[in-house]
PDB file of N, CA and C in Angstrom:
ATOM      1  N   MET A   1    -147.742 146.684-340.112  1.00  0.00           N
ATOM      2  CA  MET A   1    -146.515 146.685-340.855  1.00  0.00           C
ATOM      3  C   MET A   1    -146.864 146.747-342.339  1.00  0.00           C
ATOM      4  N   ARG A   2    -146.120 147.537-343.082  1.00  0.00           N
ATOM      5  CA  ARG A   2    -146.334 147.646-344.522  1.00  0.00           C
ATOM      6  C   ARG A   2    -145.773 146.411-345.213  1.00  0.00           C
ATOM      7  N   GLU A   3    -146.421 146.020-346.310  1.00  0.00           N
ATOM      8  CA  GLU A   3    -145.966 144.840-347.047  1.00  0.00           C
ATOM      9  C   GLU A   3    -144.590 145.049-347.645  1.00  0.00           C
ATOM     10  N   SER A   4    -144.256 146.302-347.991  1.00  0.00           N
ATOM     11  CA  SER A   4    -142.976 146.573-348.643  1.00  0.00           C
ATOM     12  C   SER A   4    -141.806 146.594-347.659  1.00  0.00           C
ATOM     13  N   GLU A   5    -142.111 146.572-346.366  1.00  0.00           N
ATOM     14  CA  GLU A   5    -141.056 146.613-345.356  1.00  0.00           C
ATOM     15  C   GLU A   5    -140.278 145.301-345.350  1.00  0.00           C
ATOM     16  N   LYS A   6    -138.967 145.401-345.434  1.00  0.00           N
ATOM     17  CA  LYS A   6    -138.121 144.214-345.467  1.00  0.00           C
ATOM     18  C   LYS A   6    -138.015 143.614-344.069  1.00  0.00           C
ATOM     19  N   ARG A   7    -138.074 142.302-343.993  1.00  0.00           N
ATOM     20  CA  ARG A   7    -137.984 141.604-342.716  1.00  0.00           C
ATOM     21  C   ARG A   7    -136.743 140.732-342.705  1.00  0.00           C
ATOM     22  N   SER A   8    -136.189 140.543-341.526  1.00  0.00           N
ATOM     23  CA  SER A   8    -135.037 139.656-341.339  1.00  0.00           C
ATOM     24  C   SER A   8    -135.416 138.585-340.334  1.00  0.00           C
ATOM     25  N   ARG A   9    -134.777 137.453-340.426  1.00  0.00           N
ATOM     26  CA  ARG A   9    -135.034 136.356-339.498  1.00  0.00           C
ATOM     27  C   ARG A   9    -133.993 136.387-338.385  1.00  0.00           C
ATOM     28  N   LEU A  10    -134.454 136.154-337.165  1.00  0.00           N
ATOM     29  CA  LEU A  10    -133.591 136.085-335.998  1.00  0.00           C
ATOM     30  C   LEU A  10    -133.826 134.737-335.338  1.00  0.00           C
ATOM     31  N   SER A  11    -132.774 134.055-335.005  1.00  0.00           N
ATOM     32  CA  SER A  11    -132.887 132.749-334.380  1.00  0.00           C
ATOM     33  C   SER A  11    -132.132 132.771-333.056  1.00  0.00           C
ATOM     34  N   ILE A  12    -132.800 132.291-331.985  1.00  0.00           N
ATOM     35  CA  ILE A  12    -132.145 132.206-330.684  1.00  0.00           C
ATOM     36  C   ILE A  12    -132.370 130.809-330.118  1.00  0.00           C
ATOM     37  N   ASP A  13    -131.452 130.352-329.315  1.00  0.00           N
ATOM     38  CA  ASP A  13    -131.571 129.056-328.659  1.00  0.00           C
ATOM     39  C   ASP A  13    -131.982 129.274-327.213  1.00  0.00           C
ATOM     40  N   ILE A  14    -133.117 128.684-326.829  1.00  0.00           N
ATOM     41  CA  ILE A  14    -133.590 128.781-325.455  1.00  0.00           C
ATOM     42  C   ILE A  14    -134.033 127.400-324.992  1.00  0.00           C
ATOM     43  N   PRO A  15    -134.053 127.172-323.688  1.00  0.00           N
ATOM     44  CA  PRO A  15    -134.528 125.883-323.172  1.00  0.00           C
ATOM     45  C   PRO A  15    -135.999 125.657-323.545  1.00  0.00           C
ATOM     46  N   GLU A  16    -136.370 124.398-323.727  1.00  0.00           N
ATOM     47  CA  GLU A  16    -137.734 124.046-324.118  1.00  0.00           C
ATOM     48  C   GLU A  16    -138.769 124.580-323.126  1.00  0.00           C
ATOM     49  N   GLU A  17    -138.459 124.541-321.845  1.00  0.00           N
ATOM     50  CA  GLU A  17    -139.408 125.027-320.830  1.00  0.00           C
ATOM     51  C   GLU A  17    -139.702 126.519-321.004  1.00  0.00           C
ATOM     52  N   GLU A  18    -138.665 127.307-321.303  1.00  0.00           N
ATOM     53  CA  GLU A  18    -138.881 128.742-321.519  1.00  0.00           C
ATOM     54  C   GLU A  18    -139.672 128.991-322.796  1.00  0.00           C
ATOM     55  N   ARG A  19    -139.447 128.176-323.821  1.00  0.00           N
ATOM     56  CA  ARG A  19    -140.226 128.319-325.051  1.00  0.00           C
ATOM     57  C   ARG A  19    -141.703 128.048-324.773  1.00  0.00           C
ATOM     58  N   LEU A  20    -141.974 127.035-323.937  1.00  0.00           N
ATOM     59  CA  LEU A  20    -143.363 126.736-323.580  1.00  0.00           C
ATOM     60  C   LEU A  20    -143.994 127.892-322.813  1.00  0.00           C
ATOM     61  N   TRP A  21    -143.224 128.501-321.906  1.00  0.00           N
ATOM     62  CA  TRP A  21    -143.755 129.651-321.157  1.00  0.00           C
ATOM     63  C   TRP A  21    -144.049 130.809-322.098  1.00  0.00           C
ATOM     64  N   LEU A  22    -143.168 131.042-323.077  1.00  0.00           N
ATOM     65  CA  LEU A  22    -143.438 132.090-324.075  1.00  0.00           C
ATOM     66  C   LEU A  22    -144.720 131.776-324.848  1.00  0.00           C
ATOM     67  N   LYS A  23    -144.892 130.521-325.204  1.00  0.00           N
ATOM     68  CA  LYS A  23    -146.076 130.096-325.938  1.00  0.00           C
ATOM     69  C   LYS A  23    -147.343 130.319-325.105  1.00  0.00           C
ATOM     70  N   VAL A  24    -147.283 129.964-323.836  1.00  0.00           N
ATOM     71  CA  VAL A  24    -148.426 130.147-322.942  1.00  0.00           C
ATOM     72  C   VAL A  24    -148.736 131.641-322.785  1.00  0.00           C
ATOM     73  N   LEU A  25    -147.710 132.428-322.566  1.00  0.00           N
ATOM     74  CA  LEU A  25    -147.911 133.866-322.397  1.00  0.00           C
ATOM     75  C   LEU A  25    -148.490 134.486-323.655  1.00  0.00           C
ATOM     76  N   ALA A  26    -147.960 134.118-324.811  1.00  0.00           N
ATOM     77  CA  ALA A  26    -148.469 134.641-326.083  1.00  0.00           C
ATOM     78  C   ALA A  26    -149.925 134.223-326.287  1.00  0.00           C
ATOM     79  N   THR A  27    -150.234 132.967-325.977  1.00  0.00           N
ATOM     80  CA  THR A  27    -151.602 132.480-326.124  1.00  0.00           C
ATOM     81  C   THR A  27    -152.552 133.220-325.194  1.00  0.00           C
ATOM     82  N   SER A  28    -152.126 133.454-323.963  1.00  0.00           N
ATOM     83  CA  SER A  28    -152.993 134.157-323.006  1.00  0.00           C
ATOM     84  C   SER A  28    -153.257 135.598-323.428  1.00  0.00           C
ATOM     85  N   GLN A  29    -152.334 136.170-324.202  1.00  0.00           N
ATOM     86  CA  GLN A  29    -152.521 137.532-324.698  1.00  0.00           C
ATOM     87  C   GLN A  29    -153.079 137.558-326.119  1.00  0.00           C
ATOM     88  N   ARG A  30    -153.409 136.373-326.625  1.00  0.00           N
ATOM     89  CA  ARG A  30    -153.965 136.213-327.971  1.00  0.00           C
ATOM     90  C   ARG A  30    -153.092 136.875-329.036  1.00  0.00           C
ATOM     91  N   THR A  31    -151.820 136.558-328.979  1.00  0.00           N
ATOM     92  CA  THR A  31    -150.862 137.075-329.940  1.00  0.00           C
ATOM     93  C   THR A  31    -149.877 135.971-330.303  1.00  0.00           C
ATOM     94  N   SER A  32    -149.003 136.246-331.244  1.00  0.00           N
ATOM     95  CA  SER A  32    -147.996 135.258-331.624  1.00  0.00           C
ATOM     96  C   SER A  32    -146.749 135.428-330.764  1.00  0.00           C
ATOM     97  N   ILE A  33    -145.914 134.390-330.726  1.00  0.00           N
ATOM     98  CA  ILE A  33    -144.651 134.488-329.997  1.00  0.00           C
ATOM     99  C   ILE A  33    -143.808 135.604-330.597  1.00  0.00           C
ATOM    100  N   ASN A  34    -143.815 135.712-331.919  1.00  0.00           N
ATOM    101  CA  ASN A  34    -143.061 136.753-332.612  1.00  0.00           C
ATOM    102  C   ASN A  34    -143.477 138.149-332.124  1.00  0.00           C
ATOM    103  N   ASP A  35    -144.786 138.423-332.115  1.00  0.00           N
ATOM    104  CA  ASP A  35    -145.270 139.735-331.682  1.00  0.00           C
ATOM    105  C   ASP A  35    -144.999 139.984-330.207  1.00  0.00           C
ATOM    106  N   LEU A  36    -145.107 138.927-329.391  1.00  0.00           N
ATOM    107  CA  LEU A  36    -144.825 139.060-327.961  1.00  0.00           C
ATOM    108  C   LEU A  36    -143.370 139.455-327.724  1.00  0.00           C
ATOM    109  N   VAL A  37    -142.454 138.745-328.375  1.00  0.00           N
ATOM    110  CA  VAL A  37    -141.026 139.038-328.208  1.00  0.00           C
ATOM    111  C   VAL A  37    -140.701 140.442-328.714  1.00  0.00           C
ATOM    112  N   LEU A  38    -141.254 140.813-329.870  1.00  0.00           N
ATOM    113  CA  LEU A  38    -141.003 142.165-330.397  1.00  0.00           C
ATOM    114  C   LEU A  38    -141.538 143.249-329.454  1.00  0.00           C
ATOM    115  N   SER A  39    -142.713 143.020-328.863  1.00  0.00           N
ATOM    116  CA  SER A  39    -143.251 144.021-327.940  1.00  0.00           C
ATOM    117  C   SER A  39    -142.378 144.151-326.694  1.00  0.00           C
ATOM    118  N   CYS A  40    -141.834 143.028-326.204  1.00  0.00           N
ATOM    119  CA  CYS A  40    -140.935 143.068-325.044  1.00  0.00           C
ATOM    120  C   CYS A  40    -139.651 143.829-325.379  1.00  0.00           C
ATOM    121  N   ILE A  41    -139.132 143.580-326.562  1.00  0.00           N
ATOM    122  CA  ILE A  41    -137.917 144.288-326.982  1.00  0.00           C
ATOM    123  C   ILE A  41    -138.197 145.778-327.085  1.00  0.00           C
ATOM    124  N   ARG A  42    -139.336 146.126-327.670  1.00  0.00           N
ATOM    125  CA  ARG A  42    -139.682 147.550-327.833  1.00  0.00           C
ATOM    126  C   ARG A  42    -139.834 148.241-326.482  1.00  0.00           C
ATOM    127  N   GLN A  43    -140.313 147.526-325.472  1.00  0.00           N
ATOM    128  CA  GLN A  43    -140.476 148.110-324.141  1.00  0.00           C
ATOM    129  C   GLN A  43    -139.141 148.514-323.540  1.00  0.00           C
ATOM    130  N   HIS A  44    -138.074 147.846-323.931  1.00  0.00           N
ATOM    131  CA  HIS A  44    -136.762 148.126-323.359  1.00  0.00           C
ATOM    132  C   HIS A  44    -135.917 149.057-324.217  1.00  0.00           C
ATOM    133  N   LEU A  45    -136.447 149.448-325.361  1.00  0.00           N
ATOM    134  CA  LEU A  45    -135.725 150.404-326.202  1.00  0.00           C
ATOM    135  C   LEU A  45    -136.006 151.818-325.703  1.00  0.00           C
ATOM    136  N   PRO A  46    -135.033 152.719-325.822  1.00  0.00           N
ATOM    137  CA  PRO A  46    -135.281 154.095-325.406  1.00  0.00           C
ATOM    138  C   PRO A  46    -136.380 154.728-326.261  1.00  0.00           C
ATOM    139  N   CYS A  47    -137.223 155.522-325.626  1.00  0.00           N
ATOM    140  CA  CYS A  47    -138.333 156.163-326.327  1.00  0.00           C
ATOM    141  C   CYS A  47    -138.456 157.608-325.850  1.00  0.00           C
ATOM    142  N   ASP A  48    -138.553 158.532-326.787  1.00  0.00           N
ATOM    143  CA  ASP A  48    -138.667 159.952-326.449  1.00  0.00           C
ATOM    144  C   ASP A  48    -140.118 160.429-326.416  1.00  0.00           C
ATOM    145  N   ILE A  49    -141.067 159.548-326.739  1.00  0.00           N
ATOM    146  CA  ILE A  49    -142.477 159.926-326.784  1.00  0.00           C
ATOM    147  C   ILE A  49    -143.087 159.753-325.393  1.00  0.00           C
ATOM    148  N   GLU A  50    -143.812 160.762-324.944  1.00  0.00           N
ATOM    149  CA  GLU A  50    -144.496 160.657-323.651  1.00  0.00           C
ATOM    150  C   GLU A  50    -145.825 159.942-323.871  1.00  0.00           C
ATOM    151  N   HIS A  51    -146.056 158.876-323.129  1.00  0.00           N
ATOM    152  CA  HIS A  51    -147.273 158.086-323.286  1.00  0.00           C
ATOM    153  C   HIS A  51    -148.235 158.423-322.155  1.00  0.00           C
ATOM    154  N   VAL A  52    -149.239 159.237-322.464  1.00  0.00           N
ATOM    155  CA  VAL A  52    -150.231 159.644-321.479  1.00  0.00           C
ATOM    156  C   VAL A  52    -151.571 159.058-321.905  1.00  0.00           C
ATOM    157  N   PRO A  53    -152.227 158.282-321.024  1.00  0.00           N
ATOM    158  CA  PRO A  53    -153.515 157.700-321.414  1.00  0.00           C
ATOM    159  C   PRO A  53    -154.598 158.771-321.537  1.00  0.00           C
ATOM    160  N   ASN A  54    -155.583 158.518-322.405  1.00  0.00           N
ATOM    161  CA  ASN A  54    -156.698 159.461-322.523  1.00  0.00           C
ATOM    162  C   ASN A  54    -157.586 159.352-321.277  1.00  0.00           C
ATOM    163  N   LYS A  55    -158.582 160.211-321.177  1.00  0.00           N
ATOM    164  CA  LYS A  55    -159.414 160.274-319.965  1.00  0.00           C
ATOM    165  C   LYS A  55    -160.134 158.956-319.679  1.00  0.00           C
ATOM    166  N   LYS A  56    -160.655 158.326-320.730  1.00  0.00           N
ATOM    167  CA  LYS A  56    -161.399 157.078-320.539  1.00  0.00           C
ATOM    168  C   LYS A  56    -160.467 155.968-320.033  1.00  0.00           C
ATOM    169  N   THR A  57    -159.280 155.867-320.601  1.00  0.00           N
ATOM    170  CA  THR A  57    -158.319 154.853-320.176  1.00  0.00           C
ATOM    171  C   THR A  57    -157.845 155.127-318.753  1.00  0.00           C
ATOM    172  N   ALA A  58    -157.551 156.392-318.444  1.00  0.00           N
ATOM    173  CA  ALA A  58    -157.097 156.756-317.097  1.00  0.00           C
ATOM    174  C   ALA A  58    -158.165 156.406-316.057  1.00  0.00           C
ATOM    175  N   ALA A  59    -159.424 156.694-316.374  1.00  0.00           N
ATOM    176  CA  ALA A  59    -160.518 156.374-315.445  1.00  0.00           C
ATOM    177  C   ALA A  59    -160.639 154.865-315.251  1.00  0.00           C
ATOM    178  N   SER A  60    -160.475 154.106-316.322  1.00  0.00           N
ATOM    179  CA  SER A  60    -160.543 152.649-316.238  1.00  0.00           C
ATOM    180  C   SER A  60    -159.409 152.088-315.378  1.00  0.00           C
ATOM    181  N   LEU A  61    -158.211 152.649-315.514  1.00  0.00           N
ATOM    182  CA  LEU A  61    -157.074 152.199-314.707  1.00  0.00           C
ATOM    183  C   LEU A  61    -157.307 152.475-313.222  1.00  0.00           C
ATOM    184  N   VAL A  62    -157.832 153.651-312.910  1.00  0.00           N
ATOM    185  CA  VAL A  62    -158.112 154.005-311.518  1.00  0.00           C
ATOM    186  C   VAL A  62    -159.176 153.067-310.955  1.00  0.00           C
ATOM    187  N   LYS A  63    -160.224 152.807-311.742  1.00  0.00           N
ATOM    188  CA  LYS A  63    -161.299 151.914-311.296  1.00  0.00           C
ATOM    189  C   LYS A  63    -160.771 150.510-311.028  1.00  0.00           C
ATOM    190  N   SER A  64    -159.911 149.999-311.923  1.00  0.00           N
ATOM    191  CA  SER A  64    -159.402 148.638-311.746  1.00  0.00           C
ATOM    192  C   SER A  64    -158.506 148.524-310.518  1.00  0.00           C
ATOM    193  N   GLU A  65    -157.812 149.602-310.156  1.00  0.00           N
ATOM    194  CA  GLU A  65    -156.969 149.577-308.959  1.00  0.00           C
ATOM    195  C   GLU A  65    -157.813 149.550-307.689  1.00  0.00           C
ATOM    196  N   CYS A  66    -159.028 150.097-307.764  1.00  0.00           N
ATOM    197  CA  CYS A  66    -159.910 150.162-306.595  1.00  0.00           C
ATOM    198  C   CYS A  66    -160.786 148.924-306.446  1.00  0.00           C
ATOM    199  N   GLU A  67    -160.874 148.100-307.479  1.00  0.00           N
ATOM    200  CA  GLU A  67    -161.721 146.908-307.436  1.00  0.00           C
ATOM    201  C   GLU A  67    -161.238 145.947-306.361  1.00  0.00           C
ATOM    202  N   LYS A  68    -162.163 145.481-305.546  1.00  0.00           N
ATOM    203  CA  LYS A  68    -161.814 144.534-304.485  1.00  0.00           C
ATOM    204  C   LYS A  68    -162.027 143.092-304.937  1.00  0.00           C
ATOM    205  N   ASP A  69    -162.821 142.885-305.983  1.00  0.00           N
ATOM    206  CA  ASP A  69    -163.138 141.536-306.437  1.00  0.00           C
ATOM    207  C   ASP A  69    -162.258 141.079-307.590  1.00  0.00           C
ATOM    208  N   THR A  70    -161.124 141.732-307.796  1.00  0.00           N
ATOM    209  CA  THR A  70    -160.223 141.334-308.864  1.00  0.00           C
ATOM    210  C   THR A  70    -159.562 140.015-308.486  1.00  0.00           C
ATOM    211  N   PRO A  71    -159.695 138.986-309.344  1.00  0.00           N
ATOM    212  CA  PRO A  71    -159.101 137.687-309.002  1.00  0.00           C
ATOM    213  C   PRO A  71    -157.572 137.735-309.024  1.00  0.00           C
ATOM    214  N   ILE A  72    -156.969 137.014-308.099  1.00  0.00           N
ATOM    215  CA  ILE A  72    -155.513 136.905-308.025  1.00  0.00           C
ATOM    216  C   ILE A  72    -155.175 135.421-308.170  1.00  0.00           C
ATOM    217  N   PHE A  73    -154.208 135.134-309.034  1.00  0.00           N
ATOM    218  CA  PHE A  73    -153.860 133.753-309.333  1.00  0.00           C
ATOM    219  C   PHE A  73    -152.453 133.446-308.870  1.00  0.00           C
ATOM    220  N   GLY A  74    -152.247 132.222-308.388  1.00  0.00           N
ATOM    221  CA  GLY A  74    -150.937 131.782-307.926  1.00  0.00           C
ATOM    222  C   GLY A  74    -150.092 131.170-309.028  1.00  0.00           C
ATOM    223  N   SER A  75    -150.718 130.898-310.184  1.00  0.00           N
ATOM    224  CA  SER A  75    -149.981 130.279-311.282  1.00  0.00           C
ATOM    225  C   SER A  75    -150.755 130.486-312.581  1.00  0.00           C
ATOM    226  N   PRO A  76    -150.080 130.313-313.715  1.00  0.00           N
ATOM    227  CA  PRO A  76    -150.783 130.381-314.995  1.00  0.00           C
ATOM    228  C   PRO A  76    -151.890 129.322-315.096  1.00  0.00           C
ATOM    229  N   LEU A  77    -151.669 128.139-314.512  1.00  0.00           N
ATOM    230  CA  LEU A  77    -152.667 127.076-314.567  1.00  0.00           C
ATOM    231  C   LEU A  77    -153.968 127.522-313.900  1.00  0.00           C
ATOM    232  N   GLU A  78    -153.878 128.149-312.737  1.00  0.00           N
ATOM    233  CA  GLU A  78    -155.079 128.649-312.053  1.00  0.00           C
ATOM    234  C   GLU A  78    -155.807 129.669-312.919  1.00  0.00           C
ATOM    235  N   MET A  79    -155.052 130.565-313.552  1.00  0.00           N
ATOM    236  CA  MET A  79    -155.663 131.592-314.405  1.00  0.00           C
ATOM    237  C   MET A  79    -156.349 130.943-315.605  1.00  0.00           C
ATOM    238  N   PHE A  80    -155.683 129.977-316.244  1.00  0.00           N
ATOM    239  CA  PHE A  80    -156.254 129.321-317.410  1.00  0.00           C
ATOM    240  C   PHE A  80    -157.551 128.607-317.037  1.00  0.00           C
ATOM    241  N   LYS A  81    -157.557 127.907-315.897  1.00  0.00           N
ATOM    242  CA  LYS A  81    -158.766 127.206-315.455  1.00  0.00           C
ATOM    243  C   LYS A  81    -159.890 128.201-315.173  1.00  0.00           C
ATOM    244  N   TYR A  82    -159.581 129.306-314.524  1.00  0.00           N
ATOM    245  CA  TYR A  82    -160.576 130.332-314.206  1.00  0.00           C
ATOM    246  C   TYR A  82    -161.194 130.898-315.490  1.00  0.00           C
ATOM    247  N   LEU A  83    -160.361 131.114-316.513  1.00  0.00           N
ATOM    248  CA  LEU A  83    -160.832 131.684-317.771  1.00  0.00           C
ATOM    249  C   LEU A  83    -161.427 130.647-318.712  1.00  0.00           C
ATOM    250  N   GLY A  84    -161.327 129.362-318.331  1.00  0.00           N
ATOM    251  CA  GLY A  84    -161.866 128.299-319.172  1.00  0.00           C
ATOM    252  C   GLY A  84    -161.008 128.025-320.398  1.00  0.00           C
ATOM    253  N   LEU A  85    -159.711 128.329-320.316  1.00  0.00           N
ATOM    254  CA  LEU A  85    -158.791 128.097-321.424  1.00  0.00           C
ATOM    255  C   LEU A  85    -158.190 126.707-321.318  1.00  0.00           C
ATOM    256  N   PRO A  86    -157.790 126.116-322.449  1.00  0.00           N
ATOM    257  CA  PRO A  86    -157.167 124.787-322.387  1.00  0.00           C
ATOM    258  C   PRO A  86    -155.823 124.845-321.668  1.00  0.00           C
ATOM    259  N   THR A  87    -155.552 123.840-320.863  1.00  0.00           N
ATOM    260  CA  THR A  87    -154.318 123.821-320.067  1.00  0.00           C
ATOM    261  C   THR A  87    -153.315 122.792-320.557  1.00  0.00           C
ATOM    262  N   LYS A  88    -153.609 122.119-321.664  1.00  0.00           N
ATOM    263  CA  LYS A  88    -152.707 121.071-322.126  1.00  0.00           C
ATOM    264  C   LYS A  88    -151.371 121.623-322.611  1.00  0.00           C
ATOM    265  N   CYS A  89    -151.282 122.918-322.912  1.00  0.00           N
ATOM    266  CA  CYS A  89    -150.009 123.487-323.355  1.00  0.00           C
ATOM    267  C   CYS A  89    -149.081 123.797-322.173  1.00  0.00           C
ATOM    268  N   LEU A  90    -149.614 123.742-320.962  1.00  0.00           N
ATOM    269  CA  LEU A  90    -148.767 123.939-319.787  1.00  0.00           C
ATOM    270  C   LEU A  90    -148.061 122.640-319.464  1.00  0.00           C
ATOM    271  N   ASN A  91    -146.802 122.742-319.071  1.00  0.00           N
ATOM    272  CA  ASN A  91    -146.059 121.508-318.779  1.00  0.00           C
ATOM    273  C   ASN A  91    -146.451 120.935-317.417  1.00  0.00           C
ATOM    274  N   GLN A  92    -146.125 119.695-317.190  1.00  0.00           N
ATOM    275  CA  GLN A  92    -146.499 118.996-315.956  1.00  0.00           C
ATOM    276  C   GLN A  92    -145.892 119.634-314.718  1.00  0.00           C
ATOM    277  N   LYS A  93    -144.683 120.173-314.837  1.00  0.00           N
ATOM    278  CA  LYS A  93    -144.015 120.779-313.686  1.00  0.00           C
ATOM    279  C   LYS A  93    -144.827 121.956-313.154  1.00  0.00           C
ATOM    280  N   SER A  94    -145.324 122.832-314.047  1.00  0.00           N
ATOM    281  CA  SER A  94    -146.090 123.988-313.602  1.00  0.00           C
ATOM    282  C   SER A  94    -147.406 123.559-312.970  1.00  0.00           C
ATOM    283  N   GLN A  95    -148.008 122.454-313.454  1.00  0.00           N
ATOM    284  CA  GLN A  95    -149.252 121.972-312.873  1.00  0.00           C
ATOM    285  C   GLN A  95    -149.027 121.456-311.462  1.00  0.00           C
ATOM    286  N   LYS A  96    -147.900 120.759-311.231  1.00  0.00           N
ATOM    287  CA  LYS A  96    -147.606 120.254-309.891  1.00  0.00           C
ATOM    288  C   LYS A  96    -147.391 121.400-308.915  1.00  0.00           C
ATOM    289  N   VAL A  97    -146.684 122.430-309.324  1.00  0.00           N
ATOM    290  CA  VAL A  97    -146.469 123.599-308.472  1.00  0.00           C
ATOM    291  C   VAL A  97    -147.794 124.246-308.154  1.00  0.00           C
ATOM    292  N   SER A  98    -148.652 124.365-309.149  1.00  0.00           N
ATOM    293  CA  SER A  98    -149.948 124.986-308.953  1.00  0.00           C
ATOM    294  C   SER A  98    -150.793 124.216-307.956  1.00  0.00           C
ATOM    295  N   LYS A  99    -150.780 122.875-308.022  1.00  0.00           N
ATOM    296  CA  LYS A  99    -151.565 122.071-307.088  1.00  0.00           C
ATOM    297  C   LYS A  99    -151.089 122.283-305.666  1.00  0.00           C
ATOM    298  N   LYS A 100    -149.770 122.371-305.476  1.00  0.00           N
ATOM    299  CA  LYS A 100    -149.238 122.627-304.143  1.00  0.00           C
ATOM    300  C   LYS A 100    -149.694 123.993-303.648  1.00  0.00           C
ATOM    301  N   THR A 101    -149.636 124.989-304.515  1.00  0.00           N
ATOM    302  CA  THR A 101    -150.036 126.349-304.150  1.00  0.00           C
ATOM    303  C   THR A 101    -151.513 126.399-303.798  1.00  0.00           C
ATOM    304  N   SER A 102    -152.348 125.750-304.629  1.00  0.00           N
ATOM    305  CA  SER A 102    -153.783 125.800-304.384  1.00  0.00           C
ATOM    306  C   SER A 102    -154.164 125.051-303.106  1.00  0.00           C
ATOM    307  N   LYS A 103    -153.430 123.991-302.736  1.00  0.00           N
ATOM    308  CA  LYS A 103    -153.724 123.267-301.506  1.00  0.00           C
ATOM    309  C   LYS A 103    -153.490 124.140-300.283  1.00  0.00           C
ATOM    310  N   LYS A 104    -152.484 124.995-300.333  1.00  0.00           N
ATOM    311  CA  LYS A 104    -152.198 125.875-299.203  1.00  0.00           C
ATOM    312  C   LYS A 104    -153.318 126.884-298.983  1.00  0.00           C
ATOM    313  N   ARG A 105    -153.992 127.271-300.059  1.00  0.00           N
ATOM    314  CA  ARG A 105    -155.021 128.284-299.970  1.00  0.00           C
ATOM    315  C   ARG A 105    -156.367 127.728-299.511  1.00  0.00           C
ATOM    316  N   VAL A 106    -156.567 126.433-299.615  1.00  0.00           N
ATOM    317  CA  VAL A 106    -157.851 125.840-299.258  1.00  0.00           C
ATOM    318  C   VAL A 106    -158.016 125.837-297.746  1.00  0.00           C
ATOM    319  N   VAL A 107    -159.122 126.385-297.288  1.00  0.00           N
ATOM    320  CA  VAL A 107    -159.414 126.417-295.869  1.00  0.00           C
ATOM    321  C   VAL A 107    -160.707 125.635-295.660  1.00  0.00           C
ATOM    322  N   LYS A 108    -160.625 124.555-294.895  1.00  0.00           N
ATOM    323  CA  LYS A 108    -161.801 123.737-294.656  1.00  0.00           C
ATOM    324  C   LYS A 108    -162.411 124.114-293.315  1.00  0.00           C
ATOM    325  N   LYS A 109    -163.723 124.272-293.335  1.00  0.00           N
ATOM    326  CA  LYS A 109    -164.438 124.612-292.115  1.00  0.00           C
ATOM    327  C   LYS A 109    -165.048 123.354-291.523  1.00  0.00           C
ATOM    328  N   LYS A 110    -164.976 123.223-290.215  1.00  0.00           N
ATOM    329  CA  LYS A 110    -165.614 122.085-289.537  1.00  0.00           C
ATOM    330  C   LYS A 110    -167.083 122.397-289.345  1.00  0.00           C
ATOM    331  N   ILE A 111    -167.898 121.380-289.591  1.00  0.00           N
ATOM    332  CA  ILE A 111    -169.343 121.577-289.459  1.00  0.00           C
ATOM    333  C   ILE A 111    -169.843 120.925-288.198  1.00  0.00           C
TER     334      ILE A 111
END
C-alpha cells in the first residue's frame, strides 16, 4: 500500500469467541487480523482477472494433492501442537473439543 493512500477505520461488533478464532487464524497465517479480514473480503469481491498459476506453482499443487503423508488435523489445537506453536491463545472450549476428538482417534493395541 502506498503511504499517500487514504485509509478509513471500520468497526464491527463480534462475539469474543469469534474474535479469538480470527486471532488464531491470523497468527497461523503469520498476518494481522486486519490483513486477514481484508483478504477474505477481497476473495468475495467480483474480479475480472483470470488467475492462472505458473508452471512451478501448478506442479507444486499437483504434488501436494498426491502426497499421502500430508497431516490432517481435527482441530486448530492439534495443528498448533504439531507445528510447535503456542496454544495459550486458543480458548478452553476448543481445547476440550480437541481432546475428545483426539481420544476417538487413539487406537490401543493389546500386547
